[in-house]
Amino acid sequence: MYTTKSNNGHNYAATYVRIFDDNTVQLVSYTTTVIEINPEGWMSVNGLYSRTTIKHIGWFMRERGMSYYTAKQLYLDNKEMNVYTGEIRDRA
């Protein structure tokens, strides 16, 4: 079970955040899960997609004190980052 909310007050954006009971957080743009943060804090970026989705990623990252460029670099390097510790590792 999860709850959804619009992304940072952008009520007309085709994006939302899913928060599951186990504290997994997902950024969903249109119907695609773009970013996922698992309960241990490991964030993975599944793609950058369209110009609009890039804006959604930027909103999501800023809400968490990070920048779009962090997400972009994680995707390009096929890495994931722990949002609690800042540790970076290869994607599983």
PDB file of N, CA and C in Angstrom:
ATOM      1  N   MET A   1       0.845  -1.176   0.000  1.00  0.00           N
ATOM      2  CA  MET A   1       0.000   0.000   0.000  1.00  0.00           C
ATOM      3  C   MET A   1       0.890   1.239   0.000  1.00  0.00           C
ATOM      4  N   TYR A   2       0.454   2.294  -0.670  1.00  0.00           N
ATOM      5  CA  TYR A   2       1.248   3.505  -0.750  1.00  0.00           C
ATOM      6  C   TYR A   2       0.334   4.721  -0.817  1.00  0.00           C
ATOM      7  N   THR A   3       0.939   5.849  -0.592  1.00  0.00           N
ATOM      8  CA  THR A   3       0.235   7.113  -0.763  1.00  0.00           C
ATOM      9  C   THR A   3       0.883   7.852  -1.926  1.00  0.00           C
ATOM     10  N   THR A   4       0.159   8.771  -2.503  1.00  0.00           N
ATOM     11  CA  THR A   4       0.720   9.568  -3.592  1.00  0.00           C
ATOM     12  C   THR A   4       0.495  11.033  -3.288  1.00  0.00           C
ATOM     13  N   LYS A   5       1.340  11.865  -3.840  1.00  0.00           N
ATOM     14  CA  LYS A   5       1.160  13.301  -3.723  1.00  0.00           C
ATOM     15  C   LYS A   5       1.734  13.954  -4.966  1.00  0.00           C
ATOM     16  N   SER A   6       1.256  15.143  -5.266  1.00  0.00           N
ATOM     17  CA  SER A   6       1.825  15.868  -6.400  1.00  0.00           C
ATOM     18  C   SER A   6       3.222  16.328  -6.025  1.00  0.00           C
ATOM     19  N   ASN A   7       4.023  16.599  -6.996  1.00  0.00           N
ATOM     20  CA  ASN A   7       5.427  16.928  -6.800  1.00  0.00           C
ATOM     21  C   ASN A   7       5.612  18.418  -6.561  1.00  0.00           C
ATOM     22  N   ASN A   8       5.919  18.824  -5.331  1.00  0.00           N
ATOM     23  CA  ASN A   8       6.309  20.186  -4.977  1.00  0.00           C
ATOM     24  C   ASN A   8       5.279  21.231  -5.406  1.00  0.00           C
ATOM     25  N   GLY A   9       3.991  20.902  -5.284  1.00  0.00           N
ATOM     26  CA  GLY A   9       2.972  21.881  -5.611  1.00  0.00           C
ATOM     27  C   GLY A   9       2.715  22.071  -7.090  1.00  0.00           C
ATOM     28  N   HIS A  10       3.355  21.306  -7.929  1.00  0.00           N
ATOM     29  CA  HIS A  10       3.136  21.402  -9.375  1.00  0.00           C
ATOM     30  C   HIS A  10       1.969  20.490  -9.734  1.00  0.00           C
ATOM     31  N   ASN A  11       0.772  20.971  -9.418  1.00  0.00           N
ATOM     32  CA  ASN A  11      -0.419  20.135  -9.492  1.00  0.00           C
ATOM     33  C   ASN A  11      -0.743  19.652 -10.896  1.00  0.00           C
ATOM     34  N   TYR A  12      -0.281  20.330 -11.917  1.00  0.00           N
ATOM     35  CA  TYR A  12      -0.610  19.928 -13.274  1.00  0.00           C
ATOM     36  C   TYR A  12       0.497  19.113 -13.927  1.00  0.00           C
ATOM     37  N   ALA A  13       1.575  18.895 -13.212  1.00  0.00           N
ATOM     38  CA  ALA A  13       2.657  18.074 -13.749  1.00  0.00           C
ATOM     39  C   ALA A  13       2.212  16.623 -13.750  1.00  0.00           C
ATOM     40  N   ALA A  14       2.631  15.886 -14.752  1.00  0.00           N
ATOM     41  CA  ALA A  14       2.283  14.466 -14.867  1.00  0.00           C
ATOM     42  C   ALA A  14       3.283  13.646 -14.056  1.00  0.00           C
ATOM     43  N   THR A  15       3.427  13.997 -12.800  1.00  0.00           N
ATOM     44  CA  THR A  15       4.390  13.322 -11.940  1.00  0.00           C
ATOM     45  C   THR A  15       3.837  13.226 -10.532  1.00  0.00           C
ATOM     46  N   TYR A  16       4.282  12.224  -9.821  1.00  0.00           N
ATOM     47  CA  TYR A  16       3.899  12.090  -8.418  1.00  0.00           C
ATOM     48  C   TYR A  16       4.947  11.255  -7.709  1.00  0.00           C
ATOM     49  N   VAL A  17       4.871  11.287  -6.391  1.00  0.00           N
ATOM     50  CA  VAL A  17       5.788  10.532  -5.551  1.00  0.00           C
ATOM     51  C   VAL A  17       4.983   9.449  -4.843  1.00  0.00           C
ATOM     52  N   ARG A  18       5.464   8.225  -4.950  1.00  0.00           N
ATOM     53  CA  ARG A  18       4.851   7.104  -4.222  1.00  0.00           C
ATOM     54  C   ARG A  18       5.674   6.875  -2.960  1.00  0.00           C
ATOM     55  N   ILE A  19       4.985   6.732  -1.851  1.00  0.00           N
ATOM     56  CA  ILE A  19       5.644   6.398  -0.594  1.00  0.00           C
ATOM     57  C   ILE A  19       4.985   5.121  -0.075  1.00  0.00           C
ATOM     58  N   PHE A  20       5.764   4.057  -0.045  1.00  0.00           N
ATOM     59  CA  PHE A  20       5.246   2.760   0.358  1.00  0.00           C
ATOM     60  C   PHE A  20       5.354   2.578   1.871  1.00  0.00           C
ATOM     61  N   ASP A  21       4.638   1.604   2.394  1.00  0.00           N
ATOM     62  CA  ASP A  21       4.655   1.323   3.827  1.00  0.00           C
ATOM     63  C   ASP A  21       6.050   1.011   4.355  1.00  0.00           C
ATOM     64  N   ASP A  22       6.918   0.443   3.527  1.00  0.00           N
ATOM     65  CA  ASP A  22       8.281   0.110   3.981  1.00  0.00           C
ATOM     66  C   ASP A  22       9.246   1.295   3.825  1.00  0.00           C
ATOM     67  N   ASN A  23       8.707   2.488   3.481  1.00  0.00           N
ATOM     68  CA  ASN A  23       9.466   3.728   3.288  1.00  0.00           C
ATOM     69  C   ASN A  23      10.216   3.801   1.965  1.00  0.00           C
ATOM     70  N   THR A  24       9.938   2.916   1.029  1.00  0.00           N
ATOM     71  CA  THR A  24      10.451   3.072  -0.320  1.00  0.00           C
ATOM     72  C   THR A  24       9.781   4.303  -0.924  1.00  0.00           C
ATOM     73  N   VAL A  25      10.575   5.125  -1.612  1.00  0.00           N
ATOM     74  CA  VAL A  25      10.067   6.335  -2.254  1.00  0.00           C
ATOM     75  C   VAL A  25      10.357   6.223  -3.743  1.00  0.00           C
ATOM     76  N   GLN A  26       9.365   6.511  -4.565  1.00  0.00           N
ATOM     77  CA  GLN A  26       9.540   6.471  -6.012  1.00  0.00           C
ATOM     78  C   GLN A  26       9.059   7.772  -6.634  1.00  0.00           C
ATOM     79  N   LEU A  27       9.848   8.304  -7.554  1.00  0.00           N
ATOM     80  CA  LEU A  27       9.398   9.396  -8.404  1.00  0.00           C
ATOM     81  C   LEU A  27       8.856   8.759  -9.673  1.00  0.00           C
ATOM     82  N   VAL A  28       7.596   9.029  -9.973  1.00  0.00           N
ATOM     83  CA  VAL A  28       6.955   8.484 -11.165  1.00  0.00           C
ATOM     84  C   VAL A  28       6.607   9.648 -12.081  1.00  0.00           C
ATOM     85  N   SER A  29       7.097   9.586 -13.301  1.00  0.00           N
ATOM     86  CA  SER A  29       6.801  10.592 -14.308  1.00  0.00           C
ATOM     87  C   SER A  29       5.946   9.921 -15.378  1.00  0.00           C
ATOM     88  N   TYR A  30       4.763  10.455 -15.570  1.00  0.00           N
ATOM     89  CA  TYR A  30       3.758   9.804 -16.409  1.00  0.00           C
ATOM     90  C   TYR A  30       3.500   8.420 -15.826  1.00  0.00           C
ATOM     91  N   THR A  31       3.951   7.334 -16.436  1.00  0.00           N
ATOM     92  CA  THR A  31       3.748   5.996 -15.870  1.00  0.00           C
ATOM     93  C   THR A  31       5.063   5.286 -15.585  1.00  0.00           C
ATOM     94  N   THR A  32       6.174   6.010 -15.646  1.00  0.00           N
ATOM     95  CA  THR A  32       7.499   5.406 -15.524  1.00  0.00           C
ATOM     96  C   THR A  32       8.136   5.748 -14.181  1.00  0.00           C
ATOM     97  N   THR A  33       8.618   4.733 -13.472  1.00  0.00           N
ATOM     98  CA  THR A  33       9.378   4.975 -12.254  1.00  0.00           C
ATOM     99  C   THR A  33      10.766   5.445 -12.656  1.00  0.00           C
ATOM    100  N   VAL A  34      11.063   6.698 -12.362  1.00  0.00           N
ATOM    101  CA  VAL A  34      12.297   7.332 -12.797  1.00  0.00           C
ATOM    102  C   VAL A  34      13.388   7.192 -11.736  1.00  0.00           C
ATOM    103  N   ILE A  35      13.033   7.442 -10.479  1.00  0.00           N
ATOM    104  CA  ILE A  35      13.975   7.349  -9.364  1.00  0.00           C
ATOM    105  C   ILE A  35      13.327   6.531  -8.265  1.00  0.00           C
ATOM    106  N   GLU A  36      14.146   5.708  -7.612  1.00  0.00           N
ATOM    107  CA  GLU A  36      13.657   4.958  -6.456  1.00  0.00           C
ATOM    108  C   GLU A  36      14.667   5.063  -5.328  1.00  0.00           C
ATOM    109  N   ILE A  37      14.171   5.305  -4.129  1.00  0.00           N
ATOM    110  CA  ILE A  37      14.996   5.282  -2.922  1.00  0.00           C
ATOM    111  C   ILE A  37      14.455   4.156  -2.063  1.00  0.00           C
ATOM    112  N   ASN A  38      15.303   3.145  -1.808  1.00  0.00           N
ATOM    113  CA  ASN A  38      14.835   1.992  -1.031  1.00  0.00           C
ATOM    114  C   ASN A  38      14.888   2.311   0.461  1.00  0.00           C
ATOM    115  N   PRO A  39      14.337   1.446   1.316  1.00  0.00           N
ATOM    116  CA  PRO A  39      14.282   1.737   2.753  1.00  0.00           C
ATOM    117  C   PRO A  39      15.650   1.967   3.403  1.00  0.00           C
ATOM    118  N   GLU A  40      16.714   1.421   2.826  1.00  0.00           N
ATOM    119  CA  GLU A  40      18.056   1.622   3.374  1.00  0.00           C
ATOM    120  C   GLU A  40      18.672   2.939   2.901  1.00  0.00           C
ATOM    121  N   GLY A  41      17.979   3.649   2.003  1.00  0.00           N
ATOM    122  CA  GLY A  41      18.443   4.950   1.529  1.00  0.00           C
ATOM    123  C   GLY A  41      19.167   4.941   0.201  1.00  0.00           C
ATOM    124  N   TRP A  42      19.253   3.788  -0.462  1.00  0.00           N
ATOM    125  CA  TRP A  42      19.952   3.718  -1.755  1.00  0.00           C
ATOM    126  C   TRP A  42      19.049   4.244  -2.863  1.00  0.00           C
ATOM    127  N   MET A  43      19.514   5.295  -3.525  1.00  0.00           N
ATOM    128  CA  MET A  43      18.775   5.923  -4.605  1.00  0.00           C
ATOM    129  C   MET A  43      19.341   5.485  -5.945  1.00  0.00           C
ATOM    130  N   SER A  44      18.452   5.015  -6.822  1.00  0.00           N
ATOM    131  CA  SER A  44      18.854   4.645  -8.173  1.00  0.00           C
ATOM    132  C   SER A  44      18.020   5.448  -9.164  1.00  0.00           C
ATOM    133  N   VAL A  45      18.662   5.819 -10.266  1.00  0.00           N
ATOM    134  CA  VAL A  45      18.019   6.617 -11.312  1.00  0.00           C
ATOM    135  C   VAL A  45      17.915   5.730 -12.545  1.00  0.00           C
ATOM    136  N   ASN A  46      16.691   5.538 -13.030  1.00  0.00           N
ATOM    137  CA  ASN A  46      16.450   4.602 -14.133  1.00  0.00           C
ATOM    138  C   ASN A  46      16.555   5.222 -15.510  1.00  0.00           C
ATOM    139  N   GLY A  47      16.587   6.541 -15.598  1.00  0.00           N
ATOM    140  CA  GLY A  47      16.701   7.199 -16.894  1.00  0.00           C
ATOM    141  C   GLY A  47      16.458   8.684 -16.747  1.00  0.00           C
ATOM    142  N   LEU A  48      16.775   9.431 -17.792  1.00  0.00           N
ATOM    143  CA  LEU A  48      16.563  10.883 -17.792  1.00  0.00           C
ATOM    144  C   LEU A  48      15.359  11.252 -18.656  1.00  0.00           C
ATOM    145  N   TYR A  49      15.096  10.476 -19.699  1.00  0.00           N
ATOM    146  CA  TYR A  49      13.909  10.558 -20.532  1.00  0.00           C
ATOM    147  C   TYR A  49      13.739  11.917 -21.200  1.00  0.00           C
ATOM    148  N   SER A  50      12.590  12.531 -21.072  1.00  0.00           N
ATOM    149  CA  SER A  50      12.252  13.743 -21.829  1.00  0.00           C
ATOM    150  C   SER A  50      12.645  15.015 -21.073  1.00  0.00           C
ATOM    151  N   ARG A  51      12.545  16.127 -21.764  1.00  0.00           N
ATOM    152  CA  ARG A  51      12.818  17.429 -21.138  1.00  0.00           C
ATOM    153  C   ARG A  51      11.886  17.650 -19.943  1.00  0.00           C
ATOM    154  N   THR A  52      10.638  17.256 -20.075  1.00  0.00           N
ATOM    155  CA  THR A  52       9.683  17.417 -18.975  1.00  0.00           C
ATOM    156  C   THR A  52      10.081  16.543 -17.790  1.00  0.00           C
ATOM    157  N   THR A  53      10.466  15.315 -18.062  1.00  0.00           N
ATOM    158  CA  THR A  53      10.882  14.416 -16.982  1.00  0.00           C
ATOM    159  C   THR A  53      12.137  14.948 -16.294  1.00  0.00           C
ATOM    160  N   ILE A  54      13.023  15.564 -17.046  1.00  0.00           N
ATOM    161  CA  ILE A  54      14.207  16.173 -16.443  1.00  0.00           C
ATOM    162  C   ILE A  54      13.789  17.246 -15.438  1.00  0.00           C
ATOM    163  N   LYS A  55      12.760  18.020 -15.749  1.00  0.00           N
ATOM    164  CA  LYS A  55      12.243  19.004 -14.789  1.00  0.00           C
ATOM    165  C   LYS A  55      11.704  18.308 -13.546  1.00  0.00           C
ATOM    166  N   HIS A  56      10.989  17.214 -13.741  1.00  0.00           N
ATOM    167  CA  HIS A  56      10.453  16.462 -12.600  1.00  0.00           C
ATOM    168  C   HIS A  56      11.582  15.962 -11.712  1.00  0.00           C
ATOM    169  N   ILE A  57      12.643  15.450 -12.333  1.00  0.00           N
ATOM    170  CA  ILE A  57      13.807  14.975 -11.575  1.00  0.00           C
ATOM    171  C   ILE A  57      14.402  16.132 -10.775  1.00  0.00           C
ATOM    172  N   GLY A  58      14.524  17.285 -11.397  1.00  0.00           N
ATOM    173  CA  GLY A  58      15.056  18.456 -10.706  1.00  0.00           C
ATOM    174  C   GLY A  58      14.234  18.823  -9.491  1.00  0.00           C
ATOM    175  N   TRP A  59      12.901  18.837  -9.616  1.00  0.00           N
ATOM    176  CA  TRP A  59      12.028  19.142  -8.475  1.00  0.00           C
ATOM    177  C   TRP A  59      12.243  18.125  -7.354  1.00  0.00           C
ATOM    178  N   PHE A  60      12.238  16.854  -7.731  1.00  0.00           N
ATOM    179  CA  PHE A  60      12.391  15.772  -6.756  1.00  0.00           C
ATOM    180  C   PHE A  60      13.720  15.891  -6.017  1.00  0.00           C
ATOM    181  N   MET A  61      14.786  16.124  -6.742  1.00  0.00           N
ATOM    182  CA  MET A  61      16.110  16.210  -6.136  1.00  0.00           C
ATOM    183  C   MET A  61      16.236  17.448  -5.238  1.00  0.00           C
ATOM    184  N   ARG A  62      15.736  18.583  -5.675  1.00  0.00           N
ATOM    185  CA  ARG A  62      15.809  19.797  -4.850  1.00  0.00           C
ATOM    186  C   ARG A  62      15.044  19.635  -3.547  1.00  0.00           C
ATOM    187  N   GLU A  63      13.916  18.933  -3.594  1.00  0.00           N
ATOM    188  CA  GLU A  63      13.151  18.682  -2.364  1.00  0.00           C
ATOM    189  C   GLU A  63      13.974  17.890  -1.353  1.00  0.00           C
ATOM    190  N   ARG A  64      14.993  17.194  -1.816  1.00  0.00           N
ATOM    191  CA  ARG A  64      15.841  16.374  -0.960  1.00  0.00           C
ATOM    192  C   ARG A  64      17.231  16.973  -0.762  1.00  0.00           C
ATOM    193  N   GLY A  65      17.393  18.231  -1.134  1.00  0.00           N
ATOM    194  CA  GLY A  65      18.654  18.928  -0.910  1.00  0.00           C
ATOM    195  C   GLY A  65      19.766  18.557  -1.874  1.00  0.00           C
ATOM    196  N   MET A  66      19.412  18.040  -3.033  1.00  0.00           N
ATOM    197  CA  MET A  66      20.397  17.641  -4.041  1.00  0.00           C
ATOM    198  C   MET A  66      20.052  18.325  -5.358  1.00  0.00           C
ATOM    199  N   SER A  67      20.894  18.138  -6.361  1.00  0.00           N
ATOM    200  CA  SER A  67      20.623  18.760  -7.658  1.00  0.00           C
ATOM    201  C   SER A  67      20.319  17.708  -8.721  1.00  0.00           C
ATOM    202  N   TYR A  68      19.746  18.185  -9.802  1.00  0.00           N
ATOM    203  CA  TYR A  68      19.488  17.327 -10.957  1.00  0.00           C
ATOM    204  C   TYR A  68      20.782  16.673 -11.433  1.00  0.00           C
ATOM    205  N   TYR A  69      21.890  17.423 -11.374  1.00  0.00           N
ATOM    206  CA  TYR A  69      23.155  16.924 -11.905  1.00  0.00           C
ATOM    207  C   TYR A  69      23.669  15.712 -11.132  1.00  0.00           C
ATOM    208  N   THR A  70      23.319  15.605  -9.868  1.00  0.00           N
ATOM    209  CA  THR A  70      23.663  14.403  -9.105  1.00  0.00           C
ATOM    210  C   THR A  70      22.937  13.199  -9.696  1.00  0.00           C
ATOM    211  N   ALA A  71      21.645  13.348  -9.947  1.00  0.00           N
ATOM    212  CA  ALA A  71      20.860  12.257 -10.541  1.00  0.00           C
ATOM    213  C   ALA A  71      21.393  11.897 -11.918  1.00  0.00           C
ATOM    214  N   LYS A  72      21.710  12.913 -12.704  1.00  0.00           N
ATOM    215  CA  LYS A  72      22.222  12.674 -14.057  1.00  0.00           C
ATOM    216  C   LYS A  72      23.519  11.884 -14.013  1.00  0.00           C
ATOM    217  N   GLN A  73      24.435  12.269 -13.134  1.00  0.00           N
ATOM    218  CA  GLN A  73      25.722  11.581 -13.062  1.00  0.00           C
ATOM    219  C   GLN A  73      25.565  10.149 -12.568  1.00  0.00           C
ATOM    220  N   LEU A  74      24.669   9.931 -11.601  1.00  0.00           N
ATOM    221  CA  LEU A  74      24.417   8.564 -11.134  1.00  0.00           C
ATOM    222  C   LEU A  74      23.922   7.694 -12.284  1.00  0.00           C
ATOM    223  N   TYR A  75      23.015   8.231 -13.080  1.00  0.00           N
ATOM    224  CA  TYR A  75      22.486   7.475 -14.216  1.00  0.00           C
ATOM    225  C   TYR A  75      23.577   7.185 -15.242  1.00  0.00           C
ATOM    226  N   LEU A  76      24.329   8.207 -15.613  1.00  0.00           N
ATOM    227  CA  LEU A  76      25.367   8.034 -16.635  1.00  0.00           C
ATOM    228  C   LEU A  76      26.469   7.068 -16.193  1.00  0.00           C
ATOM    229  N   ASP A  77      26.795   7.071 -14.909  1.00  0.00           N
ATOM    230  CA  ASP A  77      27.858   6.203 -14.381  1.00  0.00           C
ATOM    231  C   ASP A  77      27.336   4.846 -13.919  1.00  0.00           C
ATOM    232  N   ASN A  78      26.012   4.621 -14.020  1.00  0.00           N
ATOM    233  CA  ASN A  78      25.382   3.391 -13.561  1.00  0.00           C
ATOM    234  C   ASN A  78      25.708   3.122 -12.080  1.00  0.00           C
ATOM    235  N   LYS A  79      25.517   4.155 -11.269  1.00  0.00           N
ATOM    236  CA  LYS A  79      25.791   4.093  -9.832  1.00  0.00           C
ATOM    237  C   LYS A  79      24.512   4.344  -9.060  1.00  0.00           C
ATOM    238  N   GLU A  80      24.562   4.082  -7.770  1.00  0.00           N
ATOM    239  CA  GLU A  80      23.505   4.468  -6.866  1.00  0.00           C
ATOM    240  C   GLU A  80      24.137   5.118  -5.650  1.00  0.00           C
ATOM    241  N   MET A  81      23.370   5.984  -4.999  1.00  0.00           N
ATOM    242  CA  MET A  81      23.907   6.740  -3.880  1.00  0.00           C
ATOM    243  C   MET A  81      23.021   6.556  -2.659  1.00  0.00           C
ATOM    244  N   ASN A  82      23.654   6.458  -1.501  1.00  0.00           N
ATOM    245  CA  ASN A  82      22.904   6.396  -0.257  1.00  0.00           C
ATOM    246  C   ASN A  82      22.592   7.823   0.169  1.00  0.00           C
ATOM    247  N   VAL A  83      21.314   8.156   0.248  1.00  0.00           N
ATOM    248  CA  VAL A  83      20.908   9.522   0.560  1.00  0.00           C
ATOM    249  C   VAL A  83      21.186   9.884   2.013  1.00  0.00           C
ATOM    250  N   TYR A  84      21.453   8.898   2.861  1.00  0.00           N
ATOM    251  CA  TYR A  84      21.751   9.163   4.266  1.00  0.00           C
ATOM    252  C   TYR A  84      23.243   9.352   4.507  1.00  0.00           C
ATOM    253  N   THR A  85      24.073   8.609   3.799  1.00  0.00           N
ATOM    254  CA  THR A  85      25.517   8.637   4.063  1.00  0.00           C
ATOM    255  C   THR A  85      26.332   9.302   2.961  1.00  0.00           C
ATOM    256  N   GLY A  86      25.742   9.444   1.771  1.00  0.00           N
ATOM    257  CA  GLY A  86      26.475   9.995   0.633  1.00  0.00           C
ATOM    258  C   GLY A  86      27.349   8.977  -0.080  1.00  0.00           C
ATOM    259  N   GLU A  87      27.370   7.738   0.409  1.00  0.00           N
ATOM    260  CA  GLU A  87      28.171   6.679  -0.220  1.00  0.00           C
ATOM    261  C   GLU A  87      27.648   6.412  -1.628  1.00  0.00           C
ATOM    262  N   ILE A  88      28.567   6.136  -2.557  1.00  0.00           N
ATOM    263  CA  ILE A  88      28.210   5.808  -3.942  1.00  0.00           C
ATOM    264  C   ILE A  88      28.785   4.441  -4.268  1.00  0.00           C
ATOM    265  N   ARG A  89      27.980   3.632  -4.944  1.00  0.00           N
ATOM    266  CA  ARG A  89      28.419   2.291  -5.331  1.00  0.00           C
ATOM    267  C   ARG A  89      27.839   1.949  -6.695  1.00  0.00           C
ATOM    268  N   ASP A  90      28.375   0.874  -7.300  1.00  0.00           N
ATOM    269  CA  ASP A  90      27.815   0.366  -8.550  1.00  0.00           C
ATOM    270  C   ASP A  90      26.390  -0.111  -8.309  1.00  0.00           C
ATOM    271  N   ARG A  91      25.543   0.073  -9.320  1.00  0.00           N
ATOM    272  CA  ARG A  91      24.160  -0.423  -9.190  1.00  0.00           C
ATOM    273  C   ARG A  91      24.176  -1.937  -9.138  1.00  0.00           C
ATOM    274  N   ALA A  92      23.298  -2.458  -8.334  1.00  0.00           N
ATOM    275  CA  ALA A  92      23.191  -3.911  -8.184  1.00  0.00           C
ATOM    276  C   ALA A  92      22.573  -4.538  -9.405  1.00  0.00           C
TER     277      ALA A  92
END
